[in-house]
Structure formats: structure tokens, C-alpha cells
PDB file of all heavy atoms in Angstrom:
ATOM      1  N   THR A   1       0.830  -1.199   0.000  1.00  0.00           N
ATOM      2  CA  THR A   1       0.000   0.000   0.000  1.00  0.00           C
ATOM      3  C   THR A   1       0.868   1.254   0.000  1.00  0.00           C
ATOM      4  O   THR A   1       0.617   2.196  -0.757  1.00  0.00           O
ATOM      5  CB  THR A   1      -0.918   0.017   1.241  1.00  0.00           C
ATOM      6  OG1 THR A   1      -1.736  -1.148   1.237  1.00  0.00           O
ATOM      7  CG2 THR A   1      -1.802   1.250   1.243  1.00  0.00           C
ATOM      8  N   LEU A   2       1.898   1.278   0.847  1.00  0.00           N
ATOM      9  CA  LEU A   2       2.818   2.419   0.883  1.00  0.00           C
ATOM     10  C   LEU A   2       3.482   2.630  -0.475  1.00  0.00           C
ATOM     11  O   LEU A   2       3.584   3.768  -0.959  1.00  0.00           O
ATOM     12  CB  LEU A   2       3.901   2.172   1.937  1.00  0.00           C
ATOM     13  CG  LEU A   2       3.703   2.763   3.332  1.00  0.00           C
ATOM     14  CD1 LEU A   2       4.885   2.389   4.216  1.00  0.00           C
ATOM     15  CD2 LEU A   2       3.534   4.266   3.279  1.00  0.00           C
ATOM     16  N   ALA A   3       3.927   1.546  -1.081  1.00  0.00           N
ATOM     17  CA  ALA A   3       4.624   1.648  -2.364  1.00  0.00           C
ATOM     18  C   ALA A   3       3.709   2.178  -3.456  1.00  0.00           C
ATOM     19  O   ALA A   3       4.091   3.058  -4.238  1.00  0.00           O
ATOM     20  CB  ALA A   3       5.184   0.283  -2.760  1.00  0.00           C
ATOM     21  N   VAL A   4       2.489   1.654  -3.519  1.00  0.00           N
ATOM     22  CA  VAL A   4       1.537   2.105  -4.542  1.00  0.00           C
ATOM     23  C   VAL A   4       1.160   3.568  -4.322  1.00  0.00           C
ATOM     24  O   VAL A   4       1.130   4.369  -5.257  1.00  0.00           O
ATOM     25  CB  VAL A   4       0.280   1.208  -4.534  1.00  0.00           C
ATOM     26  CG1 VAL A   4      -0.803   1.798  -5.431  1.00  0.00           C
ATOM     27  CG2 VAL A   4       0.625  -0.200  -4.993  1.00  0.00           C
ATOM     28  N   LEU A   5       0.873   3.912  -3.049  1.00  0.00           N
ATOM     29  CA  LEU A   5       0.530   5.290  -2.737  1.00  0.00           C
ATOM     30  C   LEU A   5       1.662   6.242  -3.093  1.00  0.00           C
ATOM     31  O   LEU A   5       1.458   7.293  -3.703  1.00  0.00           O
ATOM     32  CB  LEU A   5       0.217   5.426  -1.250  1.00  0.00           C
ATOM     33  CG  LEU A   5      -1.244   5.343  -0.820  1.00  0.00           C
ATOM     34  CD1 LEU A   5      -1.348   5.579   0.670  1.00  0.00           C
ATOM     35  CD2 LEU A   5      -2.088   6.330  -1.572  1.00  0.00           C
ATOM     36  N   GLY A   6       2.884   5.872  -2.676  1.00  0.00           N
ATOM     37  CA  GLY A   6       4.034   6.715  -2.966  1.00  0.00           C
ATOM     38  C   GLY A   6       4.263   6.866  -4.452  1.00  0.00           C
ATOM     39  O   GLY A   6       4.624   7.951  -4.927  1.00  0.00           O
ATOM     40  N   THR A   7       4.028   5.797  -5.195  1.00  0.00           N
ATOM     41  CA  THR A   7       4.202   5.838  -6.651  1.00  0.00           C
ATOM     42  C   THR A   7       3.190   6.785  -7.292  1.00  0.00           C
ATOM     43  O   THR A   7       3.549   7.641  -8.113  1.00  0.00           O
ATOM     44  CB  THR A   7       4.045   4.426  -7.238  1.00  0.00           C
ATOM     45  OG1 THR A   7       5.075   3.583  -6.710  1.00  0.00           O
ATOM     46  CG2 THR A   7       4.117   4.445  -8.746  1.00  0.00           C
ATOM     47  N   ILE A   8       1.929   6.631  -6.915  1.00  0.00           N
ATOM     48  CA  ILE A   8       0.886   7.495  -7.475  1.00  0.00           C
ATOM     49  C   ILE A   8       1.122   8.952  -7.097  1.00  0.00           C
ATOM     50  O   ILE A   8       1.106   9.852  -7.948  1.00  0.00           O
ATOM     51  CB  ILE A   8      -0.504   7.032  -6.994  1.00  0.00           C
ATOM     52  CG1 ILE A   8      -0.835   5.650  -7.555  1.00  0.00           C
ATOM     53  CG2 ILE A   8      -1.579   8.036  -7.405  1.00  0.00           C
ATOM     54  CD1 ILE A   8      -2.101   5.042  -6.978  1.00  0.00           C
ATOM     55  N   ASP A   9       1.364   9.187  -5.802  1.00  0.00           N
ATOM     56  CA  ASP A   9       1.574  10.541  -5.297  1.00  0.00           C
ATOM     57  C   ASP A   9       2.749  11.205  -6.009  1.00  0.00           C
ATOM     58  O   ASP A   9       2.679  12.354  -6.456  1.00  0.00           O
ATOM     59  CB  ASP A   9       1.832  10.476  -3.791  1.00  0.00           C
ATOM     60  CG  ASP A   9       1.356  11.723  -3.059  1.00  0.00           C
ATOM     61  OD1 ASP A   9       0.839  12.635  -3.722  1.00  0.00           O
ATOM     62  OD2 ASP A   9       1.493  11.776  -1.832  1.00  0.00           O
ATOM     63  N   THR A  10       3.846  10.474  -6.136  1.00  0.00           N
ATOM     64  CA  THR A  10       5.060  11.016  -6.744  1.00  0.00           C
ATOM     65  C   THR A  10       4.876  11.334  -8.220  1.00  0.00           C
ATOM     66  O   THR A  10       5.219  12.428  -8.688  1.00  0.00           O
ATOM     67  CB  THR A  10       6.220  10.014  -6.576  1.00  0.00           C
ATOM     68  OG1 THR A  10       6.522   9.889  -5.187  1.00  0.00           O
ATOM     69  CG2 THR A  10       7.456  10.482  -7.325  1.00  0.00           C
ATOM     70  N   LEU A  11       4.342  10.386  -8.963  1.00  0.00           N
ATOM     71  CA  LEU A  11       4.261  10.571 -10.416  1.00  0.00           C
ATOM     72  C   LEU A  11       3.205  11.600 -10.800  1.00  0.00           C
ATOM     73  O   LEU A  11       3.341  12.275 -11.825  1.00  0.00           O
ATOM     74  CB  LEU A  11       4.003   9.228 -11.099  1.00  0.00           C
ATOM     75  CG  LEU A  11       5.141   8.216 -10.924  1.00  0.00           C
ATOM     76  CD1 LEU A  11       4.872   6.951 -11.723  1.00  0.00           C
ATOM     77  CD2 LEU A  11       6.478   8.820 -11.354  1.00  0.00           C
ATOM     78  N   LEU A  12       2.150  11.744  -9.990  1.00  0.00           N
ATOM     79  CA  LEU A  12       1.199  12.822 -10.245  1.00  0.00           C
ATOM     80  C   LEU A  12       1.873  14.176 -10.008  1.00  0.00           C
ATOM     81  O   LEU A  12       1.640  15.139 -10.754  1.00  0.00           O
ATOM     82  CB  LEU A  12      -0.030  12.676  -9.352  1.00  0.00           C
ATOM     83  CG  LEU A  12      -0.967  11.517  -9.686  1.00  0.00           C
ATOM     84  CD1 LEU A  12      -2.140  11.470  -8.702  1.00  0.00           C
ATOM     85  CD2 LEU A  12      -1.496  11.628 -11.111  1.00  0.00           C
ATOM     86  N   THR A  13       2.705  14.262  -8.972  1.00  0.00           N
ATOM     87  CA  THR A  13       3.460  15.493  -8.736  1.00  0.00           C
ATOM     88  C   THR A  13       4.443  15.747  -9.872  1.00  0.00           C
ATOM     89  O   THR A  13       4.643  16.897 -10.286  1.00  0.00           O
ATOM     90  CB  THR A  13       4.216  15.401  -7.398  1.00  0.00           C
ATOM     91  OG1 THR A  13       3.270  15.218  -6.344  1.00  0.00           O
ATOM     92  CG2 THR A  13       5.013  16.663  -7.137  1.00  0.00           C
ATOM     93  N   SER A  14       5.057  14.692 -10.397  1.00  0.00           N
ATOM     94  CA  SER A  14       5.979  14.836 -11.520  1.00  0.00           C
ATOM     95  C   SER A  14       5.271  15.409 -12.738  1.00  0.00           C
ATOM     96  O   SER A  14       5.826  16.241 -13.466  1.00  0.00           O
ATOM     97  CB  SER A  14       6.608  13.481 -11.872  1.00  0.00           C
ATOM     98  OG  SER A  14       7.386  12.988 -10.809  1.00  0.00           O
ATOM     99  N   ILE A  15       4.028  14.971 -12.952  1.00  0.00           N
ATOM    100  CA  ILE A  15       3.246  15.487 -14.077  1.00  0.00           C
ATOM    101  C   ILE A  15       2.961  16.969 -13.890  1.00  0.00           C
ATOM    102  O   ILE A  15       3.023  17.766 -14.837  1.00  0.00           O
ATOM    103  CB  ILE A  15       1.939  14.680 -14.236  1.00  0.00           C
ATOM    104  CG1 ILE A  15       2.251  13.246 -14.684  1.00  0.00           C
ATOM    105  CG2 ILE A  15       0.996  15.357 -15.236  1.00  0.00           C
ATOM    106  CD1 ILE A  15       1.062  12.315 -14.661  1.00  0.00           C
ATOM    107  N   VAL A  16       2.656  17.363 -12.640  1.00  0.00           N
ATOM    108  CA  VAL A  16       2.433  18.782 -12.349  1.00  0.00           C
ATOM    109  C   VAL A  16       3.707  19.574 -12.630  1.00  0.00           C
ATOM    110  O   VAL A  16       3.661  20.659 -13.237  1.00  0.00           O
ATOM    111  CB  VAL A  16       1.998  18.972 -10.878  1.00  0.00           C
ATOM    112  CG1 VAL A  16       1.971  20.452 -10.510  1.00  0.00           C
ATOM    113  CG2 VAL A  16       0.630  18.351 -10.640  1.00  0.00           C
ATOM    114  N   ALA A  17       4.860  19.049 -12.195  1.00  0.00           N
ATOM    115  CA  ALA A  17       6.137  19.733 -12.445  1.00  0.00           C
ATOM    116  C   ALA A  17       6.395  19.868 -13.938  1.00  0.00           C
ATOM    117  O   ALA A  17       6.856  20.923 -14.407  1.00  0.00           O
ATOM    118  CB  ALA A  17       7.272  18.962 -11.766  1.00  0.00           C
ATOM    119  N   ASP A  18       6.090  18.821 -14.704  1.00  0.00           N
ATOM    120  CA  ASP A  18       6.265  18.883 -16.160  1.00  0.00           C
ATOM    121  C   ASP A  18       5.432  20.003 -16.775  1.00  0.00           C
ATOM    122  O   ASP A  18       5.886  20.721 -17.673  1.00  0.00           O
ATOM    123  CB  ASP A  18       5.858  17.554 -16.798  1.00  0.00           C
ATOM    124  CG  ASP A  18       6.876  16.444 -16.546  1.00  0.00           C
ATOM    125  OD1 ASP A  18       7.982  16.760 -16.061  1.00  0.00           O
ATOM    126  OD2 ASP A  18       6.558  15.285 -16.838  1.00  0.00           O
ATOM    127  N   SER A  19       4.196  20.138 -16.304  1.00  0.00           N
ATOM    128  CA  SER A  19       3.290  21.142 -16.876  1.00  0.00           C
ATOM    129  C   SER A  19       3.789  22.560 -16.612  1.00  0.00           C
ATOM    130  O   SER A  19       3.536  23.463 -17.412  1.00  0.00           O
ATOM    131  CB  SER A  19       1.878  20.973 -16.301  1.00  0.00           C
ATOM    132  OG  SER A  19       1.847  21.287 -14.920  1.00  0.00           O
ATOM    133  N   ILE A  20       4.504  22.743 -15.495  1.00  0.00           N
ATOM    134  CA  ILE A  20       5.013  24.083 -15.171  1.00  0.00           C
ATOM    135  C   ILE A  20       6.320  24.364 -15.905  1.00  0.00           C
ATOM    136  O   ILE A  20       6.521  25.456 -16.450  1.00  0.00           O
ATOM    137  CB  ILE A  20       5.227  24.221 -13.648  1.00  0.00           C
ATOM    138  CG1 ILE A  20       3.900  24.031 -12.903  1.00  0.00           C
ATOM    139  CG2 ILE A  20       5.818  25.588 -13.308  1.00  0.00           C
ATOM    140  CD1 ILE A  20       4.053  24.003 -11.395  1.00  0.00           C
ATOM    141  N   THR A  21       7.212  23.387 -15.923  1.00  0.00           N
ATOM    142  CA  THR A  21       8.547  23.592 -16.490  1.00  0.00           C
ATOM    143  C   THR A  21       8.624  23.272 -17.974  1.00  0.00           C
ATOM    144  O   THR A  21       9.645  23.542 -18.610  1.00  0.00           O
ATOM    145  CB  THR A  21       9.575  22.728 -15.751  1.00  0.00           C
ATOM    146  OG1 THR A  21       9.223  21.335 -15.905  1.00  0.00           O
ATOM    147  CG2 THR A  21       9.598  23.063 -14.271  1.00  0.00           C
ATOM    148  N   ARG A  22       7.566  22.662 -18.505  1.00  0.00           N
ATOM    149  CA  ARG A  22       7.527  22.238 -19.909  1.00  0.00           C
ATOM    150  C   ARG A  22       8.689  21.290 -20.235  1.00  0.00           C
ATOM    151  O   ARG A  22       9.331  21.377 -21.277  1.00  0.00           O
ATOM    152  CB  ARG A  22       7.536  23.448 -20.850  1.00  0.00           C
ATOM    153  CG  ARG A  22       6.236  24.229 -20.835  1.00  0.00           C
ATOM    154  CD  ARG A  22       6.234  25.344 -21.829  1.00  0.00           C
ATOM    155  NE  ARG A  22       7.210  26.367 -21.501  1.00  0.00           N
ATOM    156  CZ  ARG A  22       7.492  27.413 -22.263  1.00  0.00           C
ATOM    157  NH1 ARG A  22       6.867  27.567 -23.424  1.00  0.00           N
ATOM    158  NH2 ARG A  22       8.378  28.301 -21.892  1.00  0.00           N
ATOM    159  N   THR A  23       8.956  20.404 -19.298  1.00  0.00           N
ATOM    160  CA  THR A  23       9.939  19.335 -19.495  1.00  0.00           C
ATOM    161  C   THR A  23       9.222  17.999 -19.363  1.00  0.00           C
ATOM    162  O   THR A  23       8.010  17.956 -19.172  1.00  0.00           O
ATOM    163  CB  THR A  23      11.075  19.432 -18.455  1.00  0.00           C
ATOM    164  OG1 THR A  23      10.506  19.401 -17.135  1.00  0.00           O
ATOM    165  CG2 THR A  23      11.864  20.721 -18.628  1.00  0.00           C
ATOM    166  N   LYS A  24       9.969  16.912 -19.447  1.00  0.00           N
ATOM    167  CA  LYS A  24       9.364  15.581 -19.333  1.00  0.00           C
ATOM    168  C   LYS A  24      10.187  14.752 -18.359  1.00  0.00           C
ATOM    169  O   LYS A  24      11.396  14.581 -18.544  1.00  0.00           O
ATOM    170  CB  LYS A  24       9.306  14.895 -20.702  1.00  0.00           C
ATOM    171  CG  LYS A  24       8.552  13.563 -20.685  1.00  0.00           C
ATOM    172  CD  LYS A  24       8.409  13.027 -22.093  1.00  0.00           C
ATOM    173  CE  LYS A  24       7.675  11.687 -22.096  1.00  0.00           C
ATOM    174  NZ  LYS A  24       6.329  11.772 -21.536  1.00  0.00           N
ATOM    175  N   HIS A  25       9.535  14.252 -17.307  1.00  0.00           N
ATOM    176  CA  HIS A  25      10.244  13.471 -16.305  1.00  0.00           C
ATOM    177  C   HIS A  25      10.446  12.033 -16.767  1.00  0.00           C
ATOM    178  O   HIS A  25       9.780  11.566 -17.700  1.00  0.00           O
ATOM    179  CB  HIS A  25       9.477  13.480 -14.976  1.00  0.00           C
ATOM    180  CG  HIS A  25       8.217  12.670 -14.988  1.00  0.00           C
ATOM    181  ND1 HIS A  25       7.032  13.126 -15.550  1.00  0.00           N
ATOM    182  CD2 HIS A  25       7.940  11.414 -14.522  1.00  0.00           C
ATOM    183  CE1 HIS A  25       6.098  12.198 -15.416  1.00  0.00           C
ATOM    184  NE2 HIS A  25       6.617  11.153 -14.802  1.00  0.00           N
ATOM    185  N   ASN A  26      11.357  11.342 -16.108  1.00  0.00           N
ATOM    186  CA  ASN A  26      11.609   9.922 -16.358  1.00  0.00           C
ATOM    187  C   ASN A  26      10.972   9.132 -15.220  1.00  0.00           C
ATOM    188  O   ASN A  26      11.525   9.081 -14.115  1.00  0.00           O
ATOM    189  CB  ASN A  26      13.116   9.658 -16.426  1.00  0.00           C
ATOM    190  CG  ASN A  26      13.444   8.213 -16.753  1.00  0.00           C
ATOM    191  OD1 ASN A  26      12.706   7.298 -16.402  1.00  0.00           O
ATOM    192  ND2 ASN A  26      14.559   8.003 -17.426  1.00  0.00           N
ATOM    193  N   PRO A  27       9.791   8.524 -15.428  1.00  0.00           N
ATOM    194  CA  PRO A  27       9.080   7.868 -14.318  1.00  0.00           C
ATOM    195  C   PRO A  27       9.839   6.701 -13.711  1.00  0.00           C
ATOM    196  O   PRO A  27       9.790   6.486 -12.493  1.00  0.00           O
ATOM    197  CB  PRO A  27       7.766   7.408 -14.960  1.00  0.00           C
ATOM    198  CG  PRO A  27       8.051   7.329 -16.421  1.00  0.00           C
ATOM    199  CD  PRO A  27       9.063   8.390 -16.694  1.00  0.00           C
TER     200      PRO A  27
END
């Protein structure tokens, strides 16, 4: 549960960062 939650939480934040910086993260 921790791993799945952390994965979802992190990668959704990465998508937000991409939208602001106009870059693309490496999931």
C-alpha cells in the first residue's frame, strides 16, 4: 500500500512539475 501510494503521489506530482517547467520526467 505504501509503495503504490508513494508511486501514485510522486508521479502525479511529476506530471504537475512537467506542466510548469515544460519538461518531461523519467518515471
